[in-house]
Amino acid sequence: MEIDGVEHQKVFEVDLGHLMAFDSHHTFPTQPPLSREDLVKQALQKGTELVQAIADSLFTLPATEDVDGPLVKLPAPLTRLPREKHLPKPKPPTKWDAFAKKKGIQKKKKDKVLYDEQSGTWKRRYGYDRANDEDAVPIIEAKETDDPTEDPFAKRKENKRNRVDKQEKNRLQNLKEAAKFGALPSHVQLAATALPITGTQAAPKKVTKDELGNVAGIAATSTASGGKFDKKLAGEKPPQHKGKYRKFLPVAEGTGMGSLERQQTEKILNKIMSKNSHDILNVNKAVTVQTVKKEKKRNNDKARASSTDSKLKPKKKPFKKGDFKKSSGKGDFKKSSGKGDFKKSSAKPKQ
């Protein structure tokens, strides 16, 4: 069926606010029943027609030219879509809300800034570097009723801590009351049902006599000696030993159990020596090791003897350049005025 833009507006209901189009009169035939492939084919065909109807309606709106192309402004949506979740229930009034309503107290909006008397400037009411911060006060004016032995700074911190704890307790209690009426979101509802508020938890289970005895026995035998050398309380019974005792051989030698330890040791050594004895005792390797040791010892003795002989021999003074100077004569050398220097004399040798 060929459908132009005008017919689309008559056949389909288009809501451009939600970019949605639907056909309220369309039904799938039940007789004869369609196969899965036919249903998918008809659904794709109907979806294509609906998207085409939305596109045709968009081109009827006034557009403005832009770098990316024409832009249109969508109208307000006409269809009211159902909510995904139910409407939230109103929260029950807190203790302060009930008290304020009873006394006629109306909530007033507070200013975000206050005048700080310490610095003489305007600062924020809450947060960092706030106005009239108690922790930033260097001096506290004492009163006649104050205790001179009490630290005023520590008392101020303790009072603040108590106020914070009380406020947190009240907040948890309000969440607990709101959770009873189901006025919280699902994730907050789940967390609020397990809040540790005083008076809401079940009574602790009473410990029986047997359980106390088991705990006392575990504590008594938790030392290194198993409670053997611990001091016993009045009326305390010795701890019950459950299981088998480990048997250890005595350290000292004796005729009874001491000889058993020696026999056990010899048995282990004989087992080690008998097993793979050819690997444990290698004669060729032992001879080679002994030969290498003797050779090393002989070389060390030779090196030590040669070093001793070199120390006993006198050392010759090495000659330096210029120690001998040749004189004008021939064949003679004589010692110069310098130490260790010789020069040739001018006299002729006697005949």
Protein backbone atom coordinates (compact mmCIF):
# COMPACT_ATOMS: atom_id res chain seq x y z
CA MET A 1 0.00 0.00 0.00
CA GLU A 2 1.42 3.32 -0.99
CA ILE A 3 0.98 5.92 1.74
CA ASP A 4 1.89 9.54 1.33
CA GLY A 5 2.43 12.09 4.09
CA VAL A 6 -1.22 13.22 4.25
CA GLU A 7 -2.56 9.72 4.62
CA HIS A 8 -0.03 9.04 7.35
CA GLN A 9 -1.49 11.82 9.44
CA LYS A 10 -4.98 10.31 9.04
CA VAL A 11 -4.05 6.65 9.58
CA PHE A 12 -1.37 6.93 12.29
CA GLU A 13 -1.35 8.92 15.50
CA VAL A 14 1.94 10.80 15.73
CA ASP A 15 3.22 12.47 18.89
CA LEU A 16 6.35 14.43 17.95
CA GLY A 17 6.95 15.43 21.57
CA HIS A 18 7.91 11.83 22.33
CA LEU A 19 8.91 10.99 18.72
CA MET A 20 6.26 8.32 18.83
CA ALA A 21 3.72 7.00 16.33
CA PHE A 22 1.23 4.16 16.67
CA ASP A 23 -1.73 2.65 14.88
CA SER A 24 -4.58 1.96 17.29
CA HIS A 25 -6.66 0.05 14.70
CA HIS A 26 -4.02 -2.44 13.62
CA THR A 27 -4.53 -6.10 14.53
CA PHE A 28 -2.72 -9.25 13.49
CA PRO A 29 -4.96 -11.87 11.83
CA THR A 30 -5.72 -14.90 13.98
CA GLN A 31 -7.32 -17.08 11.29
CA PRO A 32 -5.41 -18.72 9.82
CA PRO A 33 -2.69 -18.48 12.49
CA LEU A 34 0.49 -16.91 11.18
CA SER A 35 3.88 -18.52 11.52
CA ARG A 36 6.76 -16.88 13.37
CA GLU A 37 8.42 -15.78 10.14
CA ASP A 38 5.20 -14.12 8.92
CA LEU A 39 4.68 -12.30 12.23
CA VAL A 40 8.26 -10.94 12.15
CA LYS A 41 7.79 -9.84 8.55
CA GLN A 42 4.53 -7.98 9.31
CA ALA A 43 6.00 -6.37 12.44
CA LEU A 44 8.99 -5.04 10.45
CA GLN A 45 6.70 -3.73 7.75
CA LYS A 46 4.44 -1.93 10.28
CA GLY A 47 7.47 -0.51 12.12
CA THR A 48 8.86 0.86 8.86
CA GLU A 49 5.56 2.62 8.12
CA LEU A 50 5.44 4.17 11.61
CA VAL A 51 9.04 5.48 11.37
CA GLN A 52 8.24 6.90 7.93
CA ALA A 53 5.23 8.67 9.40
CA ILE A 54 7.39 10.27 12.12
CA ALA A 55 9.95 11.41 9.52
CA ASP A 56 7.24 12.94 7.31
CA SER A 57 5.79 14.82 10.28
CA LEU A 58 9.21 16.20 11.25
CA PHE A 59 9.68 17.72 7.81
CA THR A 60 6.42 19.63 8.20
CA LEU A 61 7.80 21.60 11.20
CA PRO A 62 9.57 24.96 10.68
CA ALA A 63 13.32 24.39 10.46
CA THR A 64 16.44 26.55 10.86
CA GLU A 65 19.62 26.01 8.89
CA ASP A 66 22.73 24.97 10.76
CA VAL A 67 26.21 23.71 9.93
CA ASP A 68 25.11 20.13 10.54
CA GLY A 69 21.80 20.56 8.67
CA PRO A 70 18.24 21.69 9.35
CA LEU A 71 17.15 21.87 13.00
CA VAL A 72 13.54 21.71 14.24
CA LYS A 73 12.04 22.40 17.65
CA LEU A 74 9.81 19.60 18.89
CA PRO A 75 6.38 20.54 20.25
CA ALA A 76 5.14 19.64 23.72
CA PRO A 77 4.23 15.95 24.15
CA LEU A 78 0.55 15.05 23.87
CA THR A 79 0.54 11.50 25.20
CA ARG A 80 0.80 10.86 28.94
CA LEU A 81 3.02 7.86 29.43
CA PRO A 82 2.57 5.63 32.48
CA ARG A 83 5.09 5.78 35.33
CA GLU A 84 7.71 3.11 35.66
CA LYS A 85 7.25 2.98 39.45
CA HIS A 86 4.34 3.73 41.75
CA LEU A 87 3.79 7.17 43.24
CA PRO A 88 5.88 7.74 46.37
CA LYS A 89 3.98 7.62 49.61
CA PRO A 90 4.16 10.67 51.86
CA LYS A 91 6.69 10.33 54.65
CA PRO A 92 5.35 10.29 58.21
CA PRO A 93 6.13 13.44 60.24
CA THR A 94 9.20 13.31 62.42
CA LYS A 95 9.19 14.18 66.12
CA TRP A 96 10.32 17.69 65.34
CA ASP A 97 7.64 18.12 62.67
CA ALA A 98 4.95 17.02 65.11
CA PHE A 99 6.32 19.32 67.83
CA ALA A 100 6.60 22.29 65.44
CA LYS A 101 3.04 21.77 64.23
CA LYS A 102 1.77 21.56 67.80
CA LYS A 103 3.54 24.75 68.85
CA GLY A 104 2.87 26.60 65.61
CA ILE A 105 6.53 26.94 64.67
CA GLN A 106 7.07 27.77 61.02
CA LYS A 107 10.24 26.94 59.17
CA LYS A 108 12.18 29.97 58.04
CA LYS A 109 14.88 30.08 55.44
CA LYS A 110 18.23 31.00 56.99
CA ASP A 111 20.79 33.22 55.36
CA LYS A 112 23.88 31.53 53.97
CA VAL A 113 26.25 34.12 55.47
CA LEU A 114 26.67 35.38 59.02
CA TYR A 115 28.71 38.07 60.70
CA ASP A 116 31.80 36.66 62.40
CA GLU A 117 32.56 38.53 65.63
CA GLN A 118 36.10 37.22 65.88
CA SER A 119 37.33 38.47 62.49
CA GLY A 120 34.74 41.20 61.96
CA THR A 121 33.81 39.88 58.52
CA TRP A 122 30.91 38.05 56.90
CA LYS A 123 31.44 34.31 56.50
CA ARG A 124 29.38 31.32 55.46
CA ARG A 125 27.09 29.71 58.01
CA TYR A 126 28.28 26.12 57.51
CA GLY A 127 31.37 24.40 56.17
CA TYR A 128 35.04 25.30 56.15
CA ASP A 129 36.02 28.69 57.63
CA ARG A 130 32.48 29.24 58.87
CA ALA A 131 31.36 32.09 61.08
CA ASN A 132 31.54 31.79 64.88
CA ASP A 133 33.42 28.48 64.70
CA GLU A 134 33.83 27.08 68.22
CA ASP A 135 37.05 25.26 67.32
CA ALA A 136 38.67 28.52 66.14
CA VAL A 137 38.08 30.42 69.40
CA PRO A 138 41.49 30.90 71.12
CA ILE A 139 40.11 32.20 74.46
CA ILE A 140 36.95 31.23 76.34
CA GLU A 141 35.58 33.65 78.89
CA ALA A 142 35.18 31.97 82.27
CA LYS A 143 32.06 32.30 84.36
CA GLU A 144 31.64 32.30 88.11
CA THR A 145 29.80 29.00 88.02
CA ASP A 146 32.53 27.20 86.00
CA ASP A 147 34.66 24.54 87.62
CA PRO A 148 38.30 25.75 87.71
CA THR A 149 39.64 22.18 87.41
CA GLU A 150 37.68 21.44 84.22
CA ASP A 151 39.06 22.02 80.75
CA PRO A 152 36.56 24.25 78.88
CA PHE A 153 37.88 23.24 75.44
CA ALA A 154 37.53 19.51 76.17
CA LYS A 155 34.04 20.12 77.60
CA ARG A 156 33.00 22.00 74.45
CA LYS A 157 34.24 19.16 72.21
CA GLU A 158 32.42 16.57 74.32
CA ASN A 159 29.15 18.53 74.15
CA LYS A 160 29.47 18.81 70.39
CA ARG A 161 30.11 15.08 70.09
CA ASN A 162 27.02 14.33 72.18
CA ARG A 163 24.89 16.60 70.00
CA VAL A 164 26.12 14.88 66.84
CA ASP A 165 25.42 11.42 68.28
CA LYS A 166 21.93 12.45 69.33
CA GLN A 167 21.18 13.92 65.91
CA GLU A 168 22.38 10.74 64.17
CA LYS A 169 20.23 8.61 66.46
CA ASN A 170 17.18 10.73 65.67
CA ARG A 171 17.89 10.50 61.93
CA LEU A 172 18.06 6.71 62.05
CA GLN A 173 14.88 6.57 64.10
CA ASN A 174 13.07 8.72 61.52
CA LEU A 175 14.23 6.42 58.72
CA LYS A 176 13.02 3.43 60.67
CA GLU A 177 9.58 4.97 61.12
CA ALA A 178 9.40 5.92 57.43
CA ALA A 179 10.36 2.38 56.43
CA LYS A 180 7.37 1.00 58.33
CA PHE A 181 5.01 3.00 56.11
CA GLY A 182 6.93 2.13 52.91
CA ALA A 183 7.64 5.79 52.18
CA LEU A 184 11.29 5.28 51.18
CA PRO A 185 12.86 4.29 47.85
CA SER A 186 13.56 0.61 47.34
CA HIS A 187 17.31 0.78 48.04
CA VAL A 188 16.82 3.00 51.11
CA GLN A 189 13.94 0.81 52.28
CA LEU A 190 16.17 -2.26 52.22
CA ALA A 191 18.92 -0.52 54.19
CA ALA A 192 16.56 1.05 56.72
CA THR A 193 15.09 -2.29 57.77
CA ALA A 194 18.46 -3.34 59.25
CA LEU A 195 19.38 -0.12 61.06
CA PRO A 196 20.96 -0.74 64.48
CA ILE A 197 18.58 1.39 66.54
CA THR A 198 18.31 0.78 70.27
CA GLY A 199 15.15 -1.07 71.21
CA THR A 200 14.46 -2.46 67.75
CA GLN A 201 16.78 -5.44 67.84
CA ALA A 202 15.78 -8.83 69.17
CA ALA A 203 16.74 -9.75 72.73
CA PRO A 204 20.15 -11.46 72.95
CA LYS A 205 20.13 -15.21 73.33
CA LYS A 206 20.74 -16.49 76.85
CA VAL A 207 23.97 -18.44 77.18
CA THR A 208 23.56 -21.94 78.61
CA LYS A 209 25.72 -23.59 81.26
CA ASP A 210 27.33 -25.98 78.78
CA GLU A 211 28.32 -23.14 76.45
CA LEU A 212 29.93 -21.25 79.33
CA GLY A 213 31.80 -24.40 80.30
CA ASN A 214 33.09 -24.88 76.78
CA VAL A 215 34.31 -21.28 76.60
CA ALA A 216 36.00 -21.57 79.98
CA GLY A 217 37.71 -24.82 78.92
CA ILE A 218 39.01 -23.25 75.71
CA ALA A 219 40.38 -20.26 77.64
CA ALA A 220 42.04 -22.50 80.24
CA THR A 221 43.84 -24.65 77.65
CA SER A 222 44.91 -21.83 75.34
CA THR A 223 48.35 -21.43 76.94
CA ALA A 224 51.54 -23.17 75.80
CA SER A 225 51.34 -25.71 78.62
CA GLY A 226 47.69 -26.47 77.91
CA GLY A 227 46.64 -25.03 81.29
CA LYS A 228 48.85 -27.44 83.27
CA PHE A 229 50.80 -24.76 85.13
CA ASP A 230 48.07 -22.10 85.31
CA LYS A 231 46.58 -21.00 88.57
CA LYS A 232 43.20 -22.58 89.18
CA LEU A 233 40.23 -20.68 90.53
CA ALA A 234 38.15 -21.77 93.50
CA GLY A 235 35.88 -24.63 92.46
CA GLU A 236 37.34 -24.84 88.94
CA LYS A 237 37.45 -28.32 87.52
CA PRO A 238 40.37 -29.55 85.40
CA PRO A 239 39.72 -29.12 81.69
CA GLN A 240 38.54 -32.15 79.80
CA HIS A 241 40.93 -33.40 77.17
CA LYS A 242 39.16 -34.54 74.04
CA GLY A 243 41.19 -36.64 71.64
CA LYS A 244 44.40 -38.63 71.84
CA TYR A 245 47.57 -37.70 73.69
CA ARG A 246 50.76 -37.39 71.66
CA LYS A 247 53.64 -39.57 72.87
CA PHE A 248 57.20 -38.20 72.75
CA LEU A 249 60.41 -40.13 73.47
CA PRO A 250 62.52 -38.84 76.39
CA VAL A 251 65.60 -36.79 75.66
CA ALA A 252 67.84 -38.36 78.35
CA GLU A 253 69.39 -41.77 77.77
CA GLY A 254 68.04 -44.62 79.88
CA THR A 255 67.34 -48.32 80.00
CA GLY A 256 63.68 -47.97 79.18
CA MET A 257 62.32 -45.39 76.73
CA GLY A 258 65.79 -43.86 76.23
CA SER A 259 67.07 -46.97 74.53
CA LEU A 260 64.05 -46.92 72.23
CA GLU A 261 65.06 -43.49 70.96
CA ARG A 262 68.59 -44.75 70.21
CA GLN A 263 67.21 -47.77 68.41
CA GLN A 264 64.87 -45.58 66.39
CA THR A 265 67.75 -43.29 65.37
CA GLU A 266 69.94 -46.24 64.32
CA LYS A 267 67.06 -47.67 62.32
CA ILE A 268 66.63 -44.42 60.39
CA LEU A 269 70.39 -44.15 59.69
CA ASN A 270 70.62 -47.73 58.48
CA LYS A 271 67.66 -47.18 56.20
CA ILE A 272 69.28 -44.09 54.68
CA MET A 273 72.66 -45.82 54.17
CA SER A 274 71.17 -49.00 52.71
CA LYS A 275 68.94 -47.19 50.23
CA ASN A 276 70.83 -46.22 47.07
CA SER A 277 74.18 -46.95 48.65
CA HIS A 278 75.94 -46.80 45.26
CA ASP A 279 74.81 -43.18 44.93
CA ILE A 280 75.73 -42.26 48.48
CA LEU A 281 79.33 -43.66 48.33
CA ASN A 282 81.10 -42.98 45.01
CA VAL A 283 84.73 -44.23 45.25
CA ASN A 284 85.93 -42.61 42.01
CA LYS A 285 84.54 -39.24 43.00
CA ALA A 286 86.13 -39.49 46.46
CA VAL A 287 89.60 -40.30 44.97
CA THR A 288 89.31 -37.41 42.53
CA VAL A 289 88.41 -34.97 45.29
CA GLN A 290 91.36 -36.15 47.40
CA THR A 291 93.77 -35.82 44.46
CA VAL A 292 92.59 -32.29 43.72
CA LYS A 293 93.05 -31.32 47.37
CA LYS A 294 96.65 -32.61 47.41
CA GLU A 295 97.47 -30.79 44.16
CA LYS A 296 96.10 -27.52 45.55
CA LYS A 297 98.11 -27.95 48.74
CA ARG A 298 101.33 -28.60 46.77
CA ASN A 299 100.82 -25.49 44.64
CA ASN A 300 100.14 -23.38 47.71
CA ASP A 301 103.39 -24.65 49.36
CA LYS A 302 105.44 -23.77 46.26
CA ALA A 303 103.98 -20.30 46.07
CA ARG A 304 104.66 -19.72 49.76
CA ALA A 305 108.30 -20.92 49.43
CA SER A 306 108.99 -18.71 46.40
CA SER A 307 107.61 -15.67 48.19
CA THR A 308 109.86 -16.38 51.21
CA ASP A 309 113.03 -16.63 49.03
CA SER A 310 112.27 -13.38 47.27
CA LYS A 311 112.05 -11.61 50.64
CA LEU A 312 115.52 -12.86 51.79
CA LYS A 313 117.48 -11.71 48.65
CA PRO A 314 118.80 -8.10 48.70
CA LYS A 315 117.12 -5.74 46.42
CA LYS A 316 119.15 -3.96 43.72
CA LYS A 317 118.75 -0.27 43.47
CA PRO A 318 117.45 0.63 40.06
CA PHE A 319 119.43 3.06 37.97
CA LYS A 320 117.95 6.39 37.16
CA LYS A 321 118.51 8.62 34.18
CA GLY A 322 121.51 10.92 34.73
CA ASP A 323 123.30 8.75 37.29
CA PHE A 324 126.33 8.43 34.93
CA LYS A 325 127.92 11.43 33.23
CA LYS A 326 130.60 11.10 30.63
CA SER A 327 133.71 13.29 31.14
CA SER A 328 135.92 14.82 28.46
CA GLY A 329 138.54 12.04 28.87
CA LYS A 330 138.29 8.63 27.43
CA GLY A 331 137.75 5.38 29.21
CA ASP A 332 137.35 6.64 32.79
CA PHE A 333 134.30 7.35 34.83
CA LYS A 334 134.39 9.05 38.16
CA LYS A 335 131.88 9.91 40.76
CA SER A 336 130.40 13.37 40.57
CA SER A 337 129.57 15.59 43.46
CA GLY A 338 126.07 14.27 43.46
CA LYS A 339 125.15 11.10 45.27
CA GLY A 340 125.40 7.99 43.19
CA ASP A 341 126.58 9.85 40.08
CA PHE A 342 129.73 8.95 38.12
CA LYS A 343 131.46 10.86 35.37
CA LYS A 344 134.50 10.15 33.17
CA SER A 345 137.84 11.68 34.38
CA SER A 346 140.17 13.70 32.16
CA ALA A 347 143.41 11.87 33.22
CA LYS A 348 144.95 9.31 30.94
CA PRO A 349 145.37 5.78 32.14
CA LYS A 350 148.84 4.81 33.42
CA GLN A 351 150.97 2.52 31.32
